[in-house]
Amino acid sequence: MTARRTATIAAACIVLAAPTLAGGPTEAERAEFIAAVEAVGCEVTSPQLAAEVEEITGFDEDLLDEIVMKLEDEGLVQVDFEVGGLLLKTEACG
């Protein structure tokens, strides 16, 4: 492999890893979380549902918190203290 090819591959890896290097969740992690919440019925209103989402994604609590905050900023998640959890607001969730 030439030095130029190696440099090109390394640059591509840096670009692809940029969201992770910046400390935030990646688009893939965001999409996986959304799919998991949709799979449990679009609402996470109990410790059991939260555990299911955690098990489906395999994400730790810190990453899950980051994803929820990002989605809340985007208007896709509503943290609802009345129901004791969060509501996902995607097309699939109505």
C-alpha atoms as a PDB file:
ATOM      1  CA  MET A   1       0.000   0.000   0.000  1.00  0.00           C
ATOM      2  CA  THR A   2       1.374   3.396  -0.900  1.00  0.00           C
ATOM      3  CA  ALA A   3       1.861   6.180   1.606  1.00  0.00           C
ATOM      4  CA  ARG A   4      -0.726   8.261  -0.247  1.00  0.00           C
ATOM      5  CA  ARG A   5      -3.324   5.454  -0.026  1.00  0.00           C
ATOM      6  CA  THR A   6      -2.609   5.010   3.687  1.00  0.00           C
ATOM      7  CA  ALA A   7      -3.027   8.750   4.268  1.00  0.00           C
ATOM      8  CA  THR A   8      -6.316   8.764   2.336  1.00  0.00           C
ATOM      9  CA  ILE A   9      -7.697   5.873   4.398  1.00  0.00           C
ATOM     10  CA  ALA A  10      -6.559   7.504   7.645  1.00  0.00           C
ATOM     11  CA  ALA A  11      -8.229  10.793   6.658  1.00  0.00           C
ATOM     12  CA  ALA A  12     -11.471   8.980   5.842  1.00  0.00           C
ATOM     13  CA  CYS A  13     -11.418   7.254   9.237  1.00  0.00           C
ATOM     14  CA  ILE A  14     -10.948  10.576  10.997  1.00  0.00           C
ATOM     15  CA  VAL A  15     -13.895  12.113   9.127  1.00  0.00           C
ATOM     16  CA  LEU A  16     -16.124   9.130   9.889  1.00  0.00           C
ATOM     17  CA  ALA A  17     -15.138   9.156  13.559  1.00  0.00           C
ATOM     18  CA  ALA A  18     -15.544  12.919  13.990  1.00  0.00           C
ATOM     19  CA  PRO A  19     -18.882  12.761  15.838  1.00  0.00           C
ATOM     20  CA  THR A  20     -17.412  10.273  18.291  1.00  0.00           C
ATOM     21  CA  LEU A  21     -14.221  12.274  18.732  1.00  0.00           C
ATOM     22  CA  ALA A  22     -16.342  15.343  19.468  1.00  0.00           C
ATOM     23  CA  GLY A  23     -17.875  13.419  22.366  1.00  0.00           C
ATOM     24  CA  GLY A  24     -21.445  13.246  21.126  1.00  0.00           C
ATOM     25  CA  PRO A  25     -23.465  10.298  19.947  1.00  0.00           C
ATOM     26  CA  THR A  26     -23.040   9.230  16.335  1.00  0.00           C
ATOM     27  CA  GLU A  27     -25.882   9.191  13.825  1.00  0.00           C
ATOM     28  CA  ALA A  28     -25.790   5.381  13.936  1.00  0.00           C
ATOM     29  CA  GLU A  29     -26.165   5.391  17.736  1.00  0.00           C
ATOM     30  CA  ARG A  30     -28.994   7.920  17.462  1.00  0.00           C
ATOM     31  CA  ALA A  31     -30.795   5.748  14.878  1.00  0.00           C
ATOM     32  CA  GLU A  32     -30.281   2.605  16.964  1.00  0.00           C
ATOM     33  CA  PHE A  33     -31.771   4.311  20.013  1.00  0.00           C
ATOM     34  CA  ILE A  34     -34.792   5.526  18.030  1.00  0.00           C
ATOM     35  CA  ALA A  35     -35.373   2.016  16.648  1.00  0.00           C
ATOM     36  CA  ALA A  36     -35.144   0.536  20.151  1.00  0.00           C
ATOM     37  CA  VAL A  37     -37.668   2.997  21.613  1.00  0.00           C
ATOM     38  CA  GLU A  38     -40.001   2.395  18.674  1.00  0.00           C
ATOM     39  CA  ALA A  39     -39.656  -1.355  19.330  1.00  0.00           C
ATOM     40  CA  VAL A  40     -40.872  -0.951  22.923  1.00  0.00           C
ATOM     41  CA  GLY A  41     -43.887   1.143  21.925  1.00  0.00           C
ATOM     42  CA  CYS A  42     -42.532   4.700  21.564  1.00  0.00           C
ATOM     43  CA  GLU A  43     -42.689   5.406  25.292  1.00  0.00           C
ATOM     44  CA  VAL A  44     -40.226   4.577  28.039  1.00  0.00           C
ATOM     45  CA  THR A  45     -42.343   4.904  31.151  1.00  0.00           C
ATOM     46  CA  SER A  46     -40.983   2.236  33.467  1.00  0.00           C
ATOM     47  CA  PRO A  47     -37.679   0.826  34.632  1.00  0.00           C
ATOM     48  CA  GLN A  48     -38.500  -2.361  32.710  1.00  0.00           C
ATOM     49  CA  LEU A  49     -38.881  -0.478  29.411  1.00  0.00           C
ATOM     50  CA  ALA A  50     -35.713   1.486  30.102  1.00  0.00           C
ATOM     51  CA  ALA A  51     -33.870  -1.791  30.708  1.00  0.00           C
ATOM     52  CA  GLU A  52     -35.240  -3.170  27.410  1.00  0.00           C
ATOM     53  CA  VAL A  53     -33.935  -0.146  25.496  1.00  0.00           C
ATOM     54  CA  GLU A  54     -30.575  -0.478  27.223  1.00  0.00           C
ATOM     55  CA  GLU A  55     -30.442  -4.196  26.405  1.00  0.00           C
ATOM     56  CA  ILE A  56     -31.477  -3.698  22.753  1.00  0.00           C
ATOM     57  CA  THR A  57     -28.886  -0.986  22.163  1.00  0.00           C
ATOM     58  CA  GLY A  58     -26.125  -2.195  24.469  1.00  0.00           C
ATOM     59  CA  PHE A  59     -25.427   1.459  25.310  1.00  0.00           C
ATOM     60  CA  ASP A  60     -24.361   2.573  28.765  1.00  0.00           C
ATOM     61  CA  GLU A  61     -26.360   5.089  30.782  1.00  0.00           C
ATOM     62  CA  ASP A  62     -24.112   8.032  29.884  1.00  0.00           C
ATOM     63  CA  LEU A  63     -24.504   7.480  26.149  1.00  0.00           C
ATOM     64  CA  LEU A  64     -28.255   6.994  26.510  1.00  0.00           C
ATOM     65  CA  ASP A  65     -28.483  10.288  28.418  1.00  0.00           C
ATOM     66  CA  GLU A  66     -26.506  12.075  25.685  1.00  0.00           C
ATOM     67  CA  ILE A  67     -28.762  10.670  22.979  1.00  0.00           C
ATOM     68  CA  VAL A  68     -31.925  11.653  24.855  1.00  0.00           C
ATOM     69  CA  MET A  69     -30.624  15.207  25.366  1.00  0.00           C
ATOM     70  CA  LYS A  70     -29.745  15.505  21.668  1.00  0.00           C
ATOM     71  CA  LEU A  71     -33.128  14.186  20.567  1.00  0.00           C
ATOM     72  CA  GLU A  72     -34.884  16.456  23.050  1.00  0.00           C
ATOM     73  CA  ASP A  73     -33.028  19.452  21.568  1.00  0.00           C
ATOM     74  CA  GLU A  74     -34.200  18.302  18.115  1.00  0.00           C
ATOM     75  CA  GLY A  75     -37.811  18.008  19.296  1.00  0.00           C
ATOM     76  CA  LEU A  76     -37.940  14.240  18.767  1.00  0.00           C
ATOM     77  CA  VAL A  77     -38.127  13.302  22.429  1.00  0.00           C
ATOM     78  CA  GLN A  78     -40.333  14.743  25.108  1.00  0.00           C
ATOM     79  CA  VAL A  79     -39.315  14.044  28.666  1.00  0.00           C
ATOM     80  CA  ASP A  80     -42.630  13.783  30.464  1.00  0.00           C
ATOM     81  CA  PHE A  81     -42.485  13.808  34.235  1.00  0.00           C
ATOM     82  CA  GLU A  82     -46.240  13.139  34.488  1.00  0.00           C
ATOM     83  CA  VAL A  83     -45.841   9.706  32.912  1.00  0.00           C
ATOM     84  CA  GLY A  84     -42.420   9.259  34.463  1.00  0.00           C
ATOM     85  CA  GLY A  85     -40.423   8.799  31.310  1.00  0.00           C
ATOM     86  CA  LEU A  86     -39.979   9.887  27.742  1.00  0.00           C
ATOM     87  CA  LEU A  87     -42.111   9.966  24.653  1.00  0.00           C
ATOM     88  CA  LEU A  88     -40.606   9.540  21.195  1.00  0.00           C
ATOM     89  CA  LYS A  89     -42.081  11.797  18.522  1.00  0.00           C
ATOM     90  CA  THR A  90     -41.130  10.217  15.195  1.00  0.00           C
ATOM     91  CA  GLU A  91     -43.303   9.345  12.186  1.00  0.00           C
ATOM     92  CA  ALA A  92     -43.466   5.735  13.355  1.00  0.00           C
ATOM     93  CA  CYS A  93     -44.722   6.873  16.762  1.00  0.00           C
ATOM     94  CA  GLY A  94     -47.484   9.076  15.395  1.00  0.00           C
END
